[in-house]
């Protein structure tokens, strides 16, 4: 759970860097929407035990919005140093890693162990 919290903090920091990048052109509502989605993920992760299904849904919503803004040219994704070797190097990759983690956890009970 510490890794997930660290990844959420990383996404928050990198999102701020991306939002303030000169190539980004988000309006206030878009920034608030991204913050709300990230906070929704954090709330699910902070539950005891963490709510994997809800965290999967919330992180999927965050990734979808980030992808949409990046594809529309509204959000820059500057390359940043990975937090660990082979790790994500921009905010979208970090959000995708978080989503993958929670959606794998949510579906583990349905699909059984991976071989």
Protein backbone atom coordinates (compact mmCIF):
# COMPACT_ATOMS: atom_id res chain seq x y z
CA UNK A 1 0.00 0.00 0.00
CA UNK A 2 2.97 2.31 0.57
CA UNK A 3 4.00 1.87 -3.07
CA UNK A 4 0.54 2.89 -4.27
CA UNK A 5 0.56 5.98 -2.03
CA UNK A 6 4.03 6.90 -3.30
CA UNK A 7 2.78 6.51 -6.88
CA UNK A 8 -0.22 8.76 -6.15
CA UNK A 9 2.11 11.44 -4.72
CA UNK A 10 4.34 11.09 -7.79
CA UNK A 11 1.34 11.50 -10.11
CA UNK A 12 0.23 14.59 -8.18
CA UNK A 13 3.70 16.16 -8.46
CA UNK A 14 4.09 15.25 -12.14
CA UNK A 15 0.55 16.43 -12.91
CA UNK A 16 1.44 19.83 -11.45
CA UNK A 17 4.59 19.93 -13.61
CA UNK A 18 2.55 18.98 -16.69
CA UNK A 19 -0.20 21.53 -15.96
CA UNK A 20 2.32 24.34 -15.54
CA UNK A 21 4.28 23.36 -18.66
CA UNK A 22 4.16 26.10 -21.31
CA UNK A 23 2.77 23.59 -23.85
CA UNK A 24 -0.30 22.86 -21.68
CA UNK A 25 -3.53 24.82 -22.09
CA UNK A 26 -5.99 23.53 -19.52
CA UNK A 27 -8.83 25.61 -18.14
CA UNK A 28 -9.68 25.76 -14.45
CA UNK A 29 -12.47 23.20 -14.76
CA UNK A 30 -10.16 20.66 -16.41
CA UNK A 31 -7.55 21.09 -13.66
CA UNK A 32 -10.23 20.67 -10.98
CA UNK A 33 -11.57 17.57 -12.72
CA UNK A 34 -8.12 15.96 -12.79
CA UNK A 35 -7.56 16.83 -9.12
CA UNK A 36 -10.94 15.35 -8.20
CA UNK A 37 -10.20 12.13 -10.07
CA UNK A 38 -6.79 11.78 -8.43
CA UNK A 39 -8.33 12.46 -5.00
CA UNK A 40 -10.96 9.77 -5.70
CA UNK A 41 -8.20 7.23 -6.33
CA UNK A 42 -6.41 8.28 -3.13
CA UNK A 43 -9.62 7.85 -1.09
CA UNK A 44 -10.08 4.28 -2.37
CA UNK A 45 -6.45 3.43 -1.63
CA UNK A 46 -6.72 4.88 1.90
CA UNK A 47 -9.65 2.62 2.80
CA UNK A 48 -8.78 -0.26 5.11
CA UNK A 49 -8.61 -2.63 3.34
CA UNK A 50 -8.10 -0.74 0.07
CA UNK A 51 -11.10 -0.97 -2.26
CA UNK A 52 -9.49 -2.50 -5.37
CA UNK A 53 -12.63 -2.42 -7.52
CA UNK A 54 -13.32 1.25 -6.76
CA UNK A 55 -9.61 2.16 -7.15
CA UNK A 56 -9.61 0.41 -10.55
CA UNK A 57 -12.64 2.42 -11.65
CA UNK A 58 -11.32 5.71 -10.30
CA UNK A 59 -7.84 5.24 -11.80
CA UNK A 60 -9.38 4.23 -15.15
CA UNK A 61 -11.36 7.50 -15.15
CA UNK A 62 -8.15 9.44 -14.40
CA UNK A 63 -6.22 7.71 -17.21
CA UNK A 64 -9.07 8.26 -19.68
CA UNK A 65 -9.20 11.99 -18.93
CA UNK A 66 -5.41 12.35 -19.07
CA UNK A 67 -5.30 10.49 -22.42
CA UNK A 68 -8.05 12.67 -23.84
CA UNK A 69 -6.29 15.89 -22.81
CA UNK A 70 -2.91 14.67 -24.12
CA UNK A 71 -4.41 13.55 -27.45
CA UNK A 72 -6.19 16.91 -27.81
CA UNK A 73 -2.88 18.71 -27.27
CA UNK A 74 -4.14 20.36 -24.08
CA UNK A 75 -1.81 18.60 -21.60
CA UNK A 76 1.96 18.36 -22.02
CA UNK A 77 3.73 15.22 -20.79
CA UNK A 78 7.34 16.24 -20.22
CA UNK A 79 9.75 13.35 -19.72
CA UNK A 80 10.86 13.10 -16.10
CA UNK A 81 13.35 10.80 -14.36
CA UNK A 82 11.76 7.45 -13.51
CA UNK A 83 11.21 6.82 -9.77
CA UNK A 84 12.88 3.43 -10.23
CA UNK A 85 14.69 1.74 -13.13
CA UNK A 86 12.23 0.93 -15.88
CA UNK A 87 9.54 3.01 -14.18
CA UNK A 88 7.22 5.58 -15.74
CA UNK A 89 8.73 8.76 -17.18
CA UNK A 90 5.63 10.98 -17.52
CA UNK A 91 2.33 11.60 -15.74
CA UNK A 92 0.26 9.50 -18.16
CA UNK A 93 2.59 6.50 -17.84
CA UNK A 94 2.51 6.82 -14.04
CA UNK A 95 -1.31 6.95 -14.02
CA UNK A 96 -1.43 3.92 -16.33
CA UNK A 97 0.87 2.00 -13.95
CA UNK A 98 -1.42 2.85 -11.03
CA UNK A 99 -4.51 1.79 -13.02
CA UNK A 100 -2.87 -1.48 -14.05
CA UNK A 101 -1.98 -2.27 -10.45
CA UNK A 102 -5.50 -1.67 -9.11
CA UNK A 103 -7.32 -3.30 -12.00
CA UNK A 104 -5.08 -6.38 -11.74
CA UNK A 105 -5.82 -6.50 -8.00
CA UNK A 106 -9.55 -6.06 -8.61
CA UNK A 107 -9.67 -8.83 -11.21
CA UNK A 108 -7.36 -11.25 -9.37
CA UNK A 109 -10.28 -12.74 -7.49
CA UNK A 110 -12.19 -13.29 -10.75
CA UNK A 111 -9.42 -14.71 -12.90
CA UNK A 112 -7.36 -16.58 -10.32
CA UNK A 113 -3.57 -16.53 -10.10
CA UNK A 114 -1.50 -15.87 -13.19
CA UNK A 115 0.83 -18.59 -14.31
